[in-house]
Each structure stands twice: as structure tokens, then as C-alpha cells.
Amino acid sequence: MNKYNLLDLLDGEVNVLENDVLKAISVNGIEIPIIQRDYAQGRTGEEVIRERFLDSLFTALSEDVELELDFVYGSIKEIAFGNNVFLPLDGQQRLTTLFLLYWYIGNRELQGEELEQLRRQLVKFSYSTRSTARTFCGKLSKIGFKTLPAETITKSFWFHRIYEKDPTVMSMVNMIRAIDKHYNKFDYPVFNRLSRLCFYVLPLDGFNLTDELYIKMNARGKQLTGFENF
């Protein structure tokens, strides 16, 4: 089974088994479905989980070793002729953290056309849970920073108060602040090592994907409220 990294889902191919035949399907982005919950790894109160995951990621980067991040499940949706997006059923949290990691390290280490190419890829990562989360991801993909990235974002002219009420957006800001703290321990470039943070992709098209399945998968670990189920 093939391993993939984040950029493979933003601008690459995924192998799908159709009628016992392995077929390569181009994927041109990641869209977090509206049925998914908010991004939680950056949430206040999740410091232990956040630090544990970042420790694993940065240890792999420092040692230049491959880190397998298990399976990412989802479906592939055609949004236009020849353009497909990956809709994660399980793996939203990991994918979002990787998106923020690529954004941060890319802006610290890349320049010129390399940085512009990365931005063209990162803008294909989107959230459908709320319009504010979707807009924030689009804005974030296009900007850089010099110092204090989280503060640069929250003091930007486009960062309106409504963003502060979106838990996904604020979790992303907190995660960026945590990534900045970890990265500042390095004194050498690691962007080219990001591709070694990889995972397996299991497209579930044809497996009778329903809203009920999304709800059951997202209720693991912490039961959804009655309103969330509604």
C-alpha cells in the first residue's frame, strides 16, 4: 500500500481499487466536510495531546526519519471535470496540523517561486464547517510573517472579530503559536523533510458513505451532543 504526504492530496494522485483494478486518480485539494467537528488539536485544554503530537513530528524532522501517521479515510469528490477533492472522514485533525506545519515552515525557509508554489498548493486546503474557517484558510495560505506568526495573524487588517468566535480558527492560531515554539529550537532547515511525515489513504467511495457513518466516526472518544447529532 502506498504512503502519501499532505502535498500528494493537495496536488497529486491517489491509487484507488476499482473492480479489482488499481487506478490512479488525481486529487486537487482537501475539503473538510460540513459534517465534521471543529479543529481541536489547538484548543485550550488540549495541551497534552497537542504537545505529544508536535513532539513526535519535530523529533522525526530533527532525526530525518519517516513518521507514519496511520490511515486517513475519506471519499474523493469531483468538483469539476478532471478536478477532484479529498473529503476526510477520519484524519481531519492530523491533516489540519500538517497544513499548518507546511505553512509555517514553508514561510520560514522558502523564498521566491518555491514559496509561491507552496502557497498555490496550500490554498487548496479548505474547511466547509463554517464560512469563517474556509475564509481563514484561504487568507492564511497567501500570507507570510517575519516574527510572532500568531500575533501577525490576529493583528492583520483582515482578521475580524468574527474569527475569534470560530473555535476552528482560534485552534489554528494556538497551534501556530505552539509550532513556532518548537521550530525555534532548530538552527537548520527541515522543509524538505516534511514529505517524510506520511500516512496511508483509504478512499471509501463505494462503501455506502452516509451521514450516519460520519456521525459514528466523529463520536469516537467523545460522544457528540444531541445538537451535534441533529
C-alpha atoms as a PDB file:
ATOM      1  CA  MET A   1       0.000   0.000   0.000  1.00  0.00           C
ATOM      2  CA  ASN A   2       1.307   3.444  -0.965  1.00  0.00           C
ATOM      3  CA  LYS A   3       2.178   6.129   1.511  1.00  0.00           C
ATOM      4  CA  TYR A   4       1.261   9.760   0.932  1.00  0.00           C
ATOM      5  CA  ASN A   5       2.117  13.149   2.358  1.00  0.00           C
ATOM      6  CA  LEU A   6      -0.031  16.274   2.587  1.00  0.00           C
ATOM      7  CA  LEU A   7       1.019  17.704  -0.780  1.00  0.00           C
ATOM      8  CA  ASP A   8       0.010  14.462  -2.509  1.00  0.00           C
ATOM      9  CA  LEU A   9      -3.605  15.187  -1.541  1.00  0.00           C
ATOM     10  CA  LEU A  10      -3.383  18.858  -2.453  1.00  0.00           C
ATOM     11  CA  ASP A  11      -1.780  18.326  -5.833  1.00  0.00           C
ATOM     12  CA  GLY A  12      -1.080  14.684  -6.682  1.00  0.00           C
ATOM     13  CA  GLU A  13      -2.574  11.243  -7.224  1.00  0.00           C
ATOM     14  CA  VAL A  14      -4.171   8.582  -5.042  1.00  0.00           C
ATOM     15  CA  ASN A  15      -4.400   4.920  -6.004  1.00  0.00           C
ATOM     16  CA  VAL A  16      -7.955   3.568  -5.814  1.00  0.00           C
ATOM     17  CA  LEU A  17      -9.018  -0.039  -6.295  1.00  0.00           C
ATOM     18  CA  GLU A  18     -11.934  -0.244  -8.739  1.00  0.00           C
ATOM     19  CA  ASN A  19     -13.256  -3.646  -9.811  1.00  0.00           C
ATOM     20  CA  ASP A  20     -10.005  -5.255  -8.648  1.00  0.00           C
ATOM     21  CA  VAL A  21      -8.018  -2.837 -10.817  1.00  0.00           C
ATOM     22  CA  LEU A  22      -5.662  -0.284  -9.249  1.00  0.00           C
ATOM     23  CA  LYS A  23      -6.383   3.134 -10.717  1.00  0.00           C
ATOM     24  CA  ALA A  24      -4.528   6.407 -10.128  1.00  0.00           C
ATOM     25  CA  ILE A  25      -6.910   9.326  -9.539  1.00  0.00           C
ATOM     26  CA  SER A  26      -5.679  12.912  -9.482  1.00  0.00           C
ATOM     27  CA  VAL A  27      -6.535  14.861  -6.332  1.00  0.00           C
ATOM     28  CA  ASN A  28      -6.512  18.653  -6.330  1.00  0.00           C
ATOM     29  CA  GLY A  29      -7.326  19.592  -2.767  1.00  0.00           C
ATOM     30  CA  ILE A  30      -8.658  18.703   0.664  1.00  0.00           C
ATOM     31  CA  GLU A  31     -12.043  19.886   1.889  1.00  0.00           C
ATOM     32  CA  ILE A  32     -13.104  19.250   5.481  1.00  0.00           C
ATOM     33  CA  PRO A  33     -16.810  18.331   5.131  1.00  0.00           C
ATOM     34  CA  ILE A  34     -19.506  20.355   6.839  1.00  0.00           C
ATOM     35  CA  ILE A  35     -20.484  17.306   8.923  1.00  0.00           C
ATOM     36  CA  GLN A  36     -17.067  17.277  10.611  1.00  0.00           C
ATOM     37  CA  ARG A  37     -16.389  18.745  14.024  1.00  0.00           C
ATOM     38  CA  ASP A  38     -14.154  21.744  14.725  1.00  0.00           C
ATOM     39  CA  TYR A  39     -10.383  21.512  14.665  1.00  0.00           C
ATOM     40  CA  ALA A  40      -9.479  20.544  18.226  1.00  0.00           C
ATOM     41  CA  GLN A  41      -5.722  19.916  18.495  1.00  0.00           C
ATOM     42  CA  GLY A  42      -5.061  23.605  19.098  1.00  0.00           C
ATOM     43  CA  ARG A  43      -7.926  24.029  21.532  1.00  0.00           C
ATOM     44  CA  THR A  44      -7.315  25.345  25.055  1.00  0.00           C
ATOM     45  CA  GLY A  45      -7.316  22.326  27.351  1.00  0.00           C
ATOM     46  CA  GLU A  46      -5.764  20.023  24.746  1.00  0.00           C
ATOM     47  CA  GLU A  47      -2.178  20.968  25.584  1.00  0.00           C
ATOM     48  CA  VAL A  48      -1.081  17.414  26.430  1.00  0.00           C
ATOM     49  CA  ILE A  49      -2.356  15.947  23.154  1.00  0.00           C
ATOM     50  CA  ARG A  50      -1.003  18.909  21.183  1.00  0.00           C
ATOM     51  CA  GLU A  51       2.477  18.754  22.682  1.00  0.00           C
ATOM     52  CA  ARG A  52       2.676  14.985  22.354  1.00  0.00           C
ATOM     53  CA  PHE A  53       1.821  15.132  18.648  1.00  0.00           C
ATOM     54  CA  LEU A  54       4.171  18.042  17.946  1.00  0.00           C
ATOM     55  CA  ASP A  55       6.979  16.289  19.831  1.00  0.00           C
ATOM     56  CA  SER A  56       6.547  13.282  17.534  1.00  0.00           C
ATOM     57  CA  LEU A  57       6.520  15.430  14.395  1.00  0.00           C
ATOM     58  CA  PHE A  58       9.534  17.530  15.314  1.00  0.00           C
ATOM     59  CA  THR A  59      11.521  14.541  16.556  1.00  0.00           C
ATOM     60  CA  ALA A  60      11.033  12.914  13.146  1.00  0.00           C
ATOM     61  CA  LEU A  61      12.089  16.132  11.418  1.00  0.00           C
ATOM     62  CA  SER A  62      15.183  16.553  13.580  1.00  0.00           C
ATOM     63  CA  GLU A  63      16.275  12.942  13.072  1.00  0.00           C
ATOM     64  CA  ASP A  64      15.277  12.964   9.370  1.00  0.00           C
ATOM     65  CA  VAL A  65      13.286   9.746   9.715  1.00  0.00           C
ATOM     66  CA  GLU A  66       9.934   8.684   8.319  1.00  0.00           C
ATOM     67  CA  LEU A  67       6.931   9.022  10.607  1.00  0.00           C
ATOM     68  CA  GLU A  68       3.813   7.057   9.682  1.00  0.00           C
ATOM     69  CA  LEU A  69       0.607   8.745  10.803  1.00  0.00           C
ATOM     70  CA  ASP A  70      -1.654   5.734  10.281  1.00  0.00           C
ATOM     71  CA  PHE A  71      -4.666   5.771   7.941  1.00  0.00           C
ATOM     72  CA  VAL A  72      -6.643   8.702   6.596  1.00  0.00           C
ATOM     73  CA  TYR A  73     -10.124   7.637   5.470  1.00  0.00           C
ATOM     74  CA  GLY A  74     -12.340   9.580   3.137  1.00  0.00           C
ATOM     75  CA  SER A  75     -14.015   9.956  -0.210  1.00  0.00           C
ATOM     76  CA  ILE A  76     -12.986  11.641  -3.442  1.00  0.00           C
ATOM     77  CA  LYS A  77     -15.472  14.097  -4.947  1.00  0.00           C
ATOM     78  CA  GLU A  78     -15.334  15.526  -8.434  1.00  0.00           C
ATOM     79  CA  ILE A  79     -15.945  19.278  -8.262  1.00  0.00           C
ATOM     80  CA  ALA A  80     -15.272  19.974 -11.939  1.00  0.00           C
ATOM     81  CA  PHE A  81     -14.166  17.987 -14.938  1.00  0.00           C
ATOM     82  CA  GLY A  82     -10.825  16.482 -14.026  1.00  0.00           C
ATOM     83  CA  ASN A  83     -10.698  18.235 -10.636  1.00  0.00           C
ATOM     84  CA  ASN A  84     -11.229  16.155  -7.503  1.00  0.00           C
ATOM     85  CA  VAL A  85     -11.071  16.949  -3.806  1.00  0.00           C
ATOM     86  CA  PHE A  86     -10.469  14.590  -0.909  1.00  0.00           C
ATOM     87  CA  LEU A  87     -13.142  14.687   1.833  1.00  0.00           C
ATOM     88  CA  PRO A  88     -11.654  13.219   5.020  1.00  0.00           C
ATOM     89  CA  LEU A  89     -13.923  11.045   7.094  1.00  0.00           C
ATOM     90  CA  ASP A  90     -11.213  10.346   9.651  1.00  0.00           C
ATOM     91  CA  GLY A  91      -7.898  12.221   9.781  1.00  0.00           C
ATOM     92  CA  GLN A  92      -9.134  15.811   9.882  1.00  0.00           C
ATOM     93  CA  GLN A  93      -7.058  16.723  12.939  1.00  0.00           C
ATOM     94  CA  ARG A  94      -3.793  15.319  11.569  1.00  0.00           C
ATOM     95  CA  LEU A  95      -4.301  16.841   8.131  1.00  0.00           C
ATOM     96  CA  THR A  96      -5.040  20.276   9.572  1.00  0.00           C
ATOM     97  CA  THR A  97      -1.947  20.209  11.785  1.00  0.00           C
ATOM     98  CA  LEU A  98       0.172  19.164   8.790  1.00  0.00           C
ATOM     99  CA  PHE A  99      -1.342  22.022   6.764  1.00  0.00           C
ATOM    100  CA  LEU A 100      -0.298  24.492   9.475  1.00  0.00           C
ATOM    101  CA  LEU A 101       3.151  22.894   9.746  1.00  0.00           C
ATOM    102  CA  TYR A 102       3.789  23.185   5.987  1.00  0.00           C
ATOM    103  CA  TRP A 103       2.544  26.775   6.035  1.00  0.00           C
ATOM    104  CA  TYR A 104       4.777  27.766   8.955  1.00  0.00           C
ATOM    105  CA  ILE A 105       7.994  26.017   7.884  1.00  0.00           C
ATOM    106  CA  GLY A 106       7.498  26.971   4.235  1.00  0.00           C
ATOM    107  CA  ASN A 107       7.268  30.640   5.161  1.00  0.00           C
ATOM    108  CA  ARG A 108      10.349  30.356   7.363  1.00  0.00           C
ATOM    109  CA  GLU A 109      12.551  28.550   4.840  1.00  0.00           C
ATOM    110  CA  LEU A 110      11.331  29.037   1.269  1.00  0.00           C
ATOM    111  CA  GLN A 111      11.629  32.051  -0.995  1.00  0.00           C
ATOM    112  CA  GLY A 112      10.622  33.170  -4.456  1.00  0.00           C
ATOM    113  CA  GLU A 113       8.980  30.666  -6.777  1.00  0.00           C
ATOM    114  CA  GLU A 114       9.333  27.785  -4.284  1.00  0.00           C
ATOM    115  CA  LEU A 115       7.271  29.689  -1.727  1.00  0.00           C
ATOM    116  CA  GLU A 116       4.709  30.771  -4.314  1.00  0.00           C
ATOM    117  CA  GLN A 117       4.341  27.170  -5.496  1.00  0.00           C
ATOM    118  CA  LEU A 118       3.709  26.030  -1.924  1.00  0.00           C
ATOM    119  CA  ARG A 119       1.095  28.743  -1.461  1.00  0.00           C
ATOM    120  CA  ARG A 120      -0.683  27.634  -4.642  1.00  0.00           C
ATOM    121  CA  GLN A 121      -0.886  24.160  -3.136  1.00  0.00           C
ATOM    122  CA  LEU A 122      -1.883  25.171   0.399  1.00  0.00           C
ATOM    123  CA  VAL A 123      -4.766  27.330  -0.835  1.00  0.00           C
ATOM    124  CA  LYS A 124      -6.394  24.052  -1.925  1.00  0.00           C
ATOM    125  CA  PHE A 125      -6.907  23.106   1.744  1.00  0.00           C
ATOM    126  CA  SER A 126     -10.336  24.236   2.885  1.00  0.00           C
ATOM    127  CA  TYR A 127     -12.910  23.886   5.657  1.00  0.00           C
ATOM    128  CA  SER A 128     -16.648  23.683   4.951  1.00  0.00           C
ATOM    129  CA  THR A 129     -17.684  23.628   8.607  1.00  0.00           C
ATOM    130  CA  ARG A 130     -18.091  27.425   8.733  1.00  0.00           C
ATOM    131  CA  SER A 131     -17.569  30.225   6.239  1.00  0.00           C
ATOM    132  CA  THR A 132     -15.118  31.881   8.657  1.00  0.00           C
ATOM    133  CA  ALA A 133     -12.929  28.758   8.783  1.00  0.00           C
ATOM    134  CA  ARG A 134     -12.976  28.479   4.993  1.00  0.00           C
ATOM    135  CA  THR A 135     -12.087  32.156   4.519  1.00  0.00           C
ATOM    136  CA  PHE A 136      -9.372  31.985   7.179  1.00  0.00           C
ATOM    137  CA  CYS A 137      -7.643  29.045   5.484  1.00  0.00           C
ATOM    138  CA  GLY A 138      -7.696  30.897   2.178  1.00  0.00           C
ATOM    139  CA  LYS A 139      -6.233  34.070   3.718  1.00  0.00           C
ATOM    140  CA  LEU A 140      -3.616  32.170   5.697  1.00  0.00           C
ATOM    141  CA  SER A 141      -2.356  30.310   2.632  1.00  0.00           C
ATOM    142  CA  LYS A 142      -1.449  33.584   0.919  1.00  0.00           C
ATOM    143  CA  ILE A 143       0.431  35.420   3.671  1.00  0.00           C
ATOM    144  CA  GLY A 144       3.799  35.185   5.363  1.00  0.00           C
ATOM    145  CA  PHE A 145       5.300  36.597   8.545  1.00  0.00           C
ATOM    146  CA  LYS A 146       8.593  37.857   9.952  1.00  0.00           C
ATOM    147  CA  THR A 147       8.252  37.149  13.668  1.00  0.00           C
ATOM    148  CA  LEU A 148       5.492  36.035  16.050  1.00  0.00           C
ATOM    149  CA  PRO A 149       3.235  34.422  13.424  1.00  0.00           C
ATOM    150  CA  ALA A 150       0.155  34.048  15.639  1.00  0.00           C
ATOM    151  CA  GLU A 151       0.284  37.722  16.606  1.00  0.00           C
ATOM    152  CA  THR A 152       0.915  38.720  12.980  1.00  0.00           C
ATOM    153  CA  ILE A 153      -2.283  36.902  12.018  1.00  0.00           C
ATOM    154  CA  THR A 154      -4.519  38.263  14.778  1.00  0.00           C
ATOM    155  CA  LYS A 155      -3.291  41.850  14.175  1.00  0.00           C
ATOM    156  CA  SER A 156      -3.799  41.665  10.408  1.00  0.00           C
ATOM    157  CA  PHE A 157      -6.357  44.066   8.908  1.00  0.00           C
ATOM    158  CA  TRP A 158      -8.396  41.138   7.552  1.00  0.00           C
ATOM    159  CA  PHE A 159      -8.635  39.306  10.911  1.00  0.00           C
ATOM    160  CA  HIS A 160     -12.068  40.456  12.049  1.00  0.00           C
ATOM    161  CA  ARG A 161     -13.656  39.815  15.430  1.00  0.00           C
ATOM    162  CA  ILE A 162     -15.914  37.169  13.961  1.00  0.00           C
ATOM    163  CA  TYR A 163     -12.865  34.919  13.585  1.00  0.00           C
ATOM    164  CA  GLU A 164     -12.423  34.956  17.362  1.00  0.00           C
ATOM    165  CA  LYS A 165     -15.807  33.246  17.708  1.00  0.00           C
ATOM    166  CA  ASP A 166     -14.856  30.361  15.406  1.00  0.00           C
ATOM    167  CA  PRO A 167     -13.272  27.574  17.512  1.00  0.00           C
ATOM    168  CA  THR A 168     -11.544  26.091  14.465  1.00  0.00           C
ATOM    169  CA  VAL A 169      -9.831  29.384  13.638  1.00  0.00           C
ATOM    170  CA  MET A 170      -8.691  30.025  17.191  1.00  0.00           C
ATOM    171  CA  SER A 171      -7.432  26.449  17.500  1.00  0.00           C
ATOM    172  CA  MET A 172      -5.358  27.017  14.363  1.00  0.00           C
ATOM    173  CA  VAL A 173      -3.898  30.213  15.820  1.00  0.00           C
ATOM    174  CA  ASN A 174      -2.983  28.371  19.038  1.00  0.00           C
ATOM    175  CA  MET A 175      -1.386  25.548  17.057  1.00  0.00           C
ATOM    176  CA  ILE A 176       0.677  28.010  15.021  1.00  0.00           C
ATOM    177  CA  ARG A 177       1.922  29.523  18.264  1.00  0.00           C
ATOM    178  CA  ALA A 178       2.899  26.050  19.518  1.00  0.00           C
ATOM    179  CA  ILE A 179       4.613  25.176  16.214  1.00  0.00           C
ATOM    180  CA  ASP A 180       6.608  28.413  16.424  1.00  0.00           C
ATOM    181  CA  LYS A 181       7.846  27.447  19.880  1.00  0.00           C
ATOM    182  CA  HIS A 182       9.003  24.009  18.702  1.00  0.00           C
ATOM    183  CA  TYR A 183      10.574  25.212  15.464  1.00  0.00           C
ATOM    184  CA  ASN A 184      12.684  27.874  17.178  1.00  0.00           C
ATOM    185  CA  LYS A 185      14.756  25.080  18.715  1.00  0.00           C
ATOM    186  CA  PHE A 186      16.150  24.289  15.239  1.00  0.00           C
ATOM    187  CA  ASP A 187      19.118  26.006  13.636  1.00  0.00           C
ATOM    188  CA  TYR A 188      18.946  24.188  10.285  1.00  0.00           C
ATOM    189  CA  PRO A 189      16.316  23.849   7.517  1.00  0.00           C
ATOM    190  CA  VAL A 190      13.829  20.959   7.634  1.00  0.00           C
ATOM    191  CA  PHE A 191      11.246  21.775   4.956  1.00  0.00           C
ATOM    192  CA  ASN A 192      12.485  19.053   2.596  1.00  0.00           C
ATOM    193  CA  ARG A 193      11.940  16.545   5.405  1.00  0.00           C
ATOM    194  CA  LEU A 194       8.216  17.276   5.686  1.00  0.00           C
ATOM    195  CA  SER A 195       7.451  14.748   2.946  1.00  0.00           C
ATOM    196  CA  ARG A 196       8.571  12.033   5.369  1.00  0.00           C
ATOM    197  CA  LEU A 197       5.564  12.780   7.576  1.00  0.00           C
ATOM    198  CA  CYS A 198       3.297  10.376   5.757  1.00  0.00           C
ATOM    199  CA  PHE A 199       0.116   8.342   6.023  1.00  0.00           C
ATOM    200  CA  TYR A 200      -1.934   5.744   4.191  1.00  0.00           C
ATOM    201  CA  VAL A 201      -5.056   6.834   2.322  1.00  0.00           C
ATOM    202  CA  LEU A 202      -8.115   4.628   2.181  1.00  0.00           C
ATOM    203  CA  PRO A 203     -10.727   6.052  -0.219  1.00  0.00           C
ATOM    204  CA  LEU A 204     -14.143   4.807   0.904  1.00  0.00           C
ATOM    205  CA  ASP A 205     -16.051   5.569  -2.279  1.00  0.00           C
ATOM    206  CA  GLY A 206     -18.472   2.753  -2.895  1.00  0.00           C
ATOM    207  CA  PHE A 207     -18.634   1.833   0.804  1.00  0.00           C
ATOM    208  CA  ASN A 208     -22.081   3.398   1.286  1.00  0.00           C
ATOM    209  CA  LEU A 209     -20.929   6.628   2.893  1.00  0.00           C
ATOM    210  CA  THR A 210     -23.798   8.203   4.806  1.00  0.00           C
ATOM    211  CA  ASP A 211     -24.243  10.987   7.354  1.00  0.00           C
ATOM    212  CA  GLU A 212     -24.777   8.271   9.972  1.00  0.00           C
ATOM    213  CA  LEU A 213     -21.311   6.878   9.273  1.00  0.00           C
ATOM    214  CA  TYR A 214     -19.771  10.356   9.615  1.00  0.00           C
ATOM    215  CA  ILE A 215     -21.544  10.845  12.936  1.00  0.00           C
ATOM    216  CA  LYS A 216     -20.430   7.481  14.315  1.00  0.00           C
ATOM    217  CA  MET A 217     -16.813   8.026  13.255  1.00  0.00           C
ATOM    218  CA  ASN A 218     -16.732  11.509  14.761  1.00  0.00           C
ATOM    219  CA  ALA A 219     -18.258  10.339  18.035  1.00  0.00           C
ATOM    220  CA  ARG A 220     -15.234   8.195  18.859  1.00  0.00           C
ATOM    221  CA  GLY A 221     -13.514   9.158  22.099  1.00  0.00           C
ATOM    222  CA  LYS A 222     -16.025  11.876  22.982  1.00  0.00           C
ATOM    223  CA  GLN A 223     -19.736  11.405  22.441  1.00  0.00           C
ATOM    224  CA  LEU A 224     -21.418  14.038  20.296  1.00  0.00           C
ATOM    225  CA  THR A 225     -24.099  16.177  21.872  1.00  0.00           C
ATOM    226  CA  GLY A 226     -27.718  15.892  20.836  1.00  0.00           C
ATOM    227  CA  PHE A 227     -27.388  19.148  18.895  1.00  0.00           C
ATOM    228  CA  GLU A 228     -24.275  17.931  17.039  1.00  0.00           C
ATOM    229  CA  ASN A 229     -26.060  14.729  16.093  1.00  0.00           C
ATOM    230  CA  PHE A 230     -29.009  16.814  14.889  1.00  0.00           C
END
